[in-house]
Amino acid sequence: MPTKLPFVFSLRGYIYQSGLDCIWLAAQSGQNSLQKAISSKETELKTYEESGVFVGERDEDGDVFWEQNEILELDIERLQEALLELRRSFVLTAYHYWETSV
């Protein structure tokens, strides 16, 4: 005869798991937004490089001060750094959430 174990519902466990789900949802939303922005800038950079049209500034000798691809590369780099910082902050949030719930 199989042994039946009683089902014990833990309200505190449910609240904790629900909080983690909220943190996860917020992290995913932020990450997806940054990933879309990175993809958009990468597409813009690829389109610019394939066009062959110069967008930027030159001095009177023809030396380039800046060009659009440099600006786009900087934007991509900043967005990638923001993605890492976002991940780091949500890891800390989840840890502190666990810490306060224990």
C-alpha atoms as a PDB file:
ATOM      1  CA  MET A   1       0.000   0.000   0.000  1.00  0.00           C
ATOM      2  CA  PRO A   2       1.549   3.370  -1.053  1.00  0.00           C
ATOM      3  CA  THR A   3       2.275   5.868   1.660  1.00  0.00           C
ATOM      4  CA  LYS A   4       0.507   9.168   1.249  1.00  0.00           C
ATOM      5  CA  LEU A   5       2.379  12.181   2.456  1.00  0.00           C
ATOM      6  CA  PRO A   6       0.406  15.223   3.502  1.00  0.00           C
ATOM      7  CA  PHE A   7       0.677  18.231   1.249  1.00  0.00           C
ATOM      8  CA  VAL A   8       2.140  21.088   3.227  1.00  0.00           C
ATOM      9  CA  PHE A   9       1.685  24.483   1.659  1.00  0.00           C
ATOM     10  CA  SER A  10       4.192  27.086   2.760  1.00  0.00           C
ATOM     11  CA  LEU A  11       2.870  30.595   2.360  1.00  0.00           C
ATOM     12  CA  ARG A  12       6.297  32.048   3.084  1.00  0.00           C
ATOM     13  CA  GLY A  13       7.815  29.808   0.380  1.00  0.00           C
ATOM     14  CA  TYR A  14       5.143  30.859  -2.088  1.00  0.00           C
ATOM     15  CA  ILE A  15       5.712  34.555  -1.351  1.00  0.00           C
ATOM     16  CA  TYR A  16       9.480  34.090  -1.723  1.00  0.00           C
ATOM     17  CA  GLN A  17       9.103  32.273  -5.053  1.00  0.00           C
ATOM     18  CA  SER A  18       6.643  34.899  -6.272  1.00  0.00           C
ATOM     19  CA  GLY A  19       9.148  37.639  -5.434  1.00  0.00           C
ATOM     20  CA  LEU A  20      11.884  35.813  -7.334  1.00  0.00           C
ATOM     21  CA  ASP A  21       9.548  35.490 -10.314  1.00  0.00           C
ATOM     22  CA  CYS A  22       9.003  39.277 -10.245  1.00  0.00           C
ATOM     23  CA  ILE A  23      12.759  39.909 -10.117  1.00  0.00           C
ATOM     24  CA  TRP A  24      13.258  37.473 -13.021  1.00  0.00           C
ATOM     25  CA  LEU A  25      10.537  39.165 -15.087  1.00  0.00           C
ATOM     26  CA  ALA A  26      12.053  42.609 -14.517  1.00  0.00           C
ATOM     27  CA  ALA A  27      15.532  41.332 -15.421  1.00  0.00           C
ATOM     28  CA  GLN A  28      14.255  39.705 -18.612  1.00  0.00           C
ATOM     29  CA  SER A  29      12.391  42.855 -19.645  1.00  0.00           C
ATOM     30  CA  GLY A  30      15.458  45.037 -19.158  1.00  0.00           C
ATOM     31  CA  GLN A  31      17.728  42.546 -20.888  1.00  0.00           C
ATOM     32  CA  ASN A  32      15.407  42.181 -23.876  1.00  0.00           C
ATOM     33  CA  SER A  33      15.207  45.966 -24.288  1.00  0.00           C
ATOM     34  CA  LEU A  34      18.989  46.321 -24.260  1.00  0.00           C
ATOM     35  CA  GLN A  35      19.412  43.388 -26.653  1.00  0.00           C
ATOM     36  CA  LYS A  36      16.985  45.032 -29.093  1.00  0.00           C
ATOM     37  CA  ALA A  37      18.891  48.310 -28.867  1.00  0.00           C
ATOM     38  CA  ILE A  38      22.208  46.513 -29.472  1.00  0.00           C
ATOM     39  CA  SER A  39      20.786  44.669 -32.480  1.00  0.00           C
ATOM     40  CA  SER A  40      19.391  47.914 -33.865  1.00  0.00           C
ATOM     41  CA  LYS A  41      22.736  49.703 -33.551  1.00  0.00           C
ATOM     42  CA  GLU A  42      24.593  46.737 -35.092  1.00  0.00           C
ATOM     43  CA  THR A  43      22.202  46.771 -38.043  1.00  0.00           C
ATOM     44  CA  GLU A  44      22.643  50.526 -38.387  1.00  0.00           C
ATOM     45  CA  LEU A  45      26.439  50.105 -38.319  1.00  0.00           C
ATOM     46  CA  LYS A  46      26.352  47.363 -40.948  1.00  0.00           C
ATOM     47  CA  THR A  47      24.091  49.463 -43.180  1.00  0.00           C
ATOM     48  CA  TYR A  48      26.391  52.483 -42.825  1.00  0.00           C
ATOM     49  CA  GLU A  49      29.528  50.481 -43.622  1.00  0.00           C
ATOM     50  CA  GLU A  50      27.906  48.894 -46.685  1.00  0.00           C
ATOM     51  CA  SER A  51      26.640  52.237 -48.010  1.00  0.00           C
ATOM     52  CA  GLY A  52      30.088  53.693 -48.593  1.00  0.00           C
ATOM     53  CA  VAL A  53      28.800  57.202 -47.848  1.00  0.00           C
ATOM     54  CA  PHE A  54      30.974  59.237 -45.489  1.00  0.00           C
ATOM     55  CA  VAL A  55      29.193  60.767 -42.514  1.00  0.00           C
ATOM     56  CA  GLY A  56      31.503  62.607 -40.188  1.00  0.00           C
ATOM     57  CA  GLU A  57      33.869  65.526 -39.998  1.00  0.00           C
ATOM     58  CA  ARG A  58      37.224  66.235 -41.657  1.00  0.00           C
ATOM     59  CA  ASP A  59      39.686  69.045 -41.222  1.00  0.00           C
ATOM     60  CA  GLU A  60      41.059  71.155 -44.073  1.00  0.00           C
ATOM     61  CA  ASP A  61      43.819  68.573 -44.727  1.00  0.00           C
ATOM     62  CA  GLY A  62      41.315  65.766 -45.131  1.00  0.00           C
ATOM     63  CA  ASP A  63      42.075  64.045 -41.815  1.00  0.00           C
ATOM     64  CA  VAL A  64      39.022  62.522 -40.218  1.00  0.00           C
ATOM     65  CA  PHE A  65      37.993  63.883 -36.804  1.00  0.00           C
ATOM     66  CA  TRP A  66      35.169  61.424 -36.389  1.00  0.00           C
ATOM     67  CA  GLU A  67      33.047  59.144 -38.516  1.00  0.00           C
ATOM     68  CA  GLN A  68      29.572  57.703 -37.997  1.00  0.00           C
ATOM     69  CA  ASN A  69      30.839  54.142 -37.580  1.00  0.00           C
ATOM     70  CA  GLU A  70      32.927  55.229 -34.569  1.00  0.00           C
ATOM     71  CA  ILE A  71      29.860  56.770 -32.944  1.00  0.00           C
ATOM     72  CA  LEU A  72      27.821  53.630 -33.572  1.00  0.00           C
ATOM     73  CA  GLU A  73      30.600  51.397 -32.203  1.00  0.00           C
ATOM     74  CA  LEU A  74      30.707  53.533 -29.055  1.00  0.00           C
ATOM     75  CA  ASP A  75      26.940  53.239 -28.694  1.00  0.00           C
ATOM     76  CA  ILE A  76      27.130  49.446 -29.030  1.00  0.00           C
ATOM     77  CA  GLU A  77      29.935  49.266 -26.485  1.00  0.00           C
ATOM     78  CA  ARG A  78      27.974  51.388 -23.969  1.00  0.00           C
ATOM     79  CA  LEU A  79      24.862  49.237 -24.444  1.00  0.00           C
ATOM     80  CA  GLN A  80      26.874  46.049 -23.893  1.00  0.00           C
ATOM     81  CA  GLU A  81      28.336  47.519 -20.699  1.00  0.00           C
ATOM     82  CA  ALA A  82      24.836  48.480 -19.575  1.00  0.00           C
ATOM     83  CA  LEU A  83      23.700  44.898 -20.182  1.00  0.00           C
ATOM     84  CA  LEU A  84      26.472  43.562 -17.950  1.00  0.00           C
ATOM     85  CA  GLU A  85      25.641  46.101 -15.252  1.00  0.00           C
ATOM     86  CA  LEU A  86      21.952  45.214 -15.473  1.00  0.00           C
ATOM     87  CA  ARG A  87      22.740  41.529 -14.989  1.00  0.00           C
ATOM     88  CA  ARG A  88      25.032  42.325 -12.084  1.00  0.00           C
ATOM     89  CA  SER A  89      22.407  44.469 -10.391  1.00  0.00           C
ATOM     90  CA  PHE A  90      19.712  41.805 -10.667  1.00  0.00           C
ATOM     91  CA  VAL A  91      22.045  39.157  -9.260  1.00  0.00           C
ATOM     92  CA  LEU A  92      22.622  41.442  -6.277  1.00  0.00           C
ATOM     93  CA  THR A  93      18.891  42.081  -5.991  1.00  0.00           C
ATOM     94  CA  ALA A  94      18.114  38.360  -5.935  1.00  0.00           C
ATOM     95  CA  TYR A  95      20.836  37.771  -3.352  1.00  0.00           C
ATOM     96  CA  HIS A  96      19.581  40.544  -1.078  1.00  0.00           C
ATOM     97  CA  TYR A  97      16.017  39.314  -1.520  1.00  0.00           C
ATOM     98  CA  TRP A  98      17.127  35.860  -0.371  1.00  0.00           C
ATOM     99  CA  GLU A  99      19.147  37.381   2.453  1.00  0.00           C
ATOM    100  CA  THR A 100      16.178  39.328   3.833  1.00  0.00           C
ATOM    101  CA  SER A 101      13.795  36.409   3.491  1.00  0.00           C
ATOM    102  CA  VAL A 102      15.987  34.015   5.472  1.00  0.00           C
END
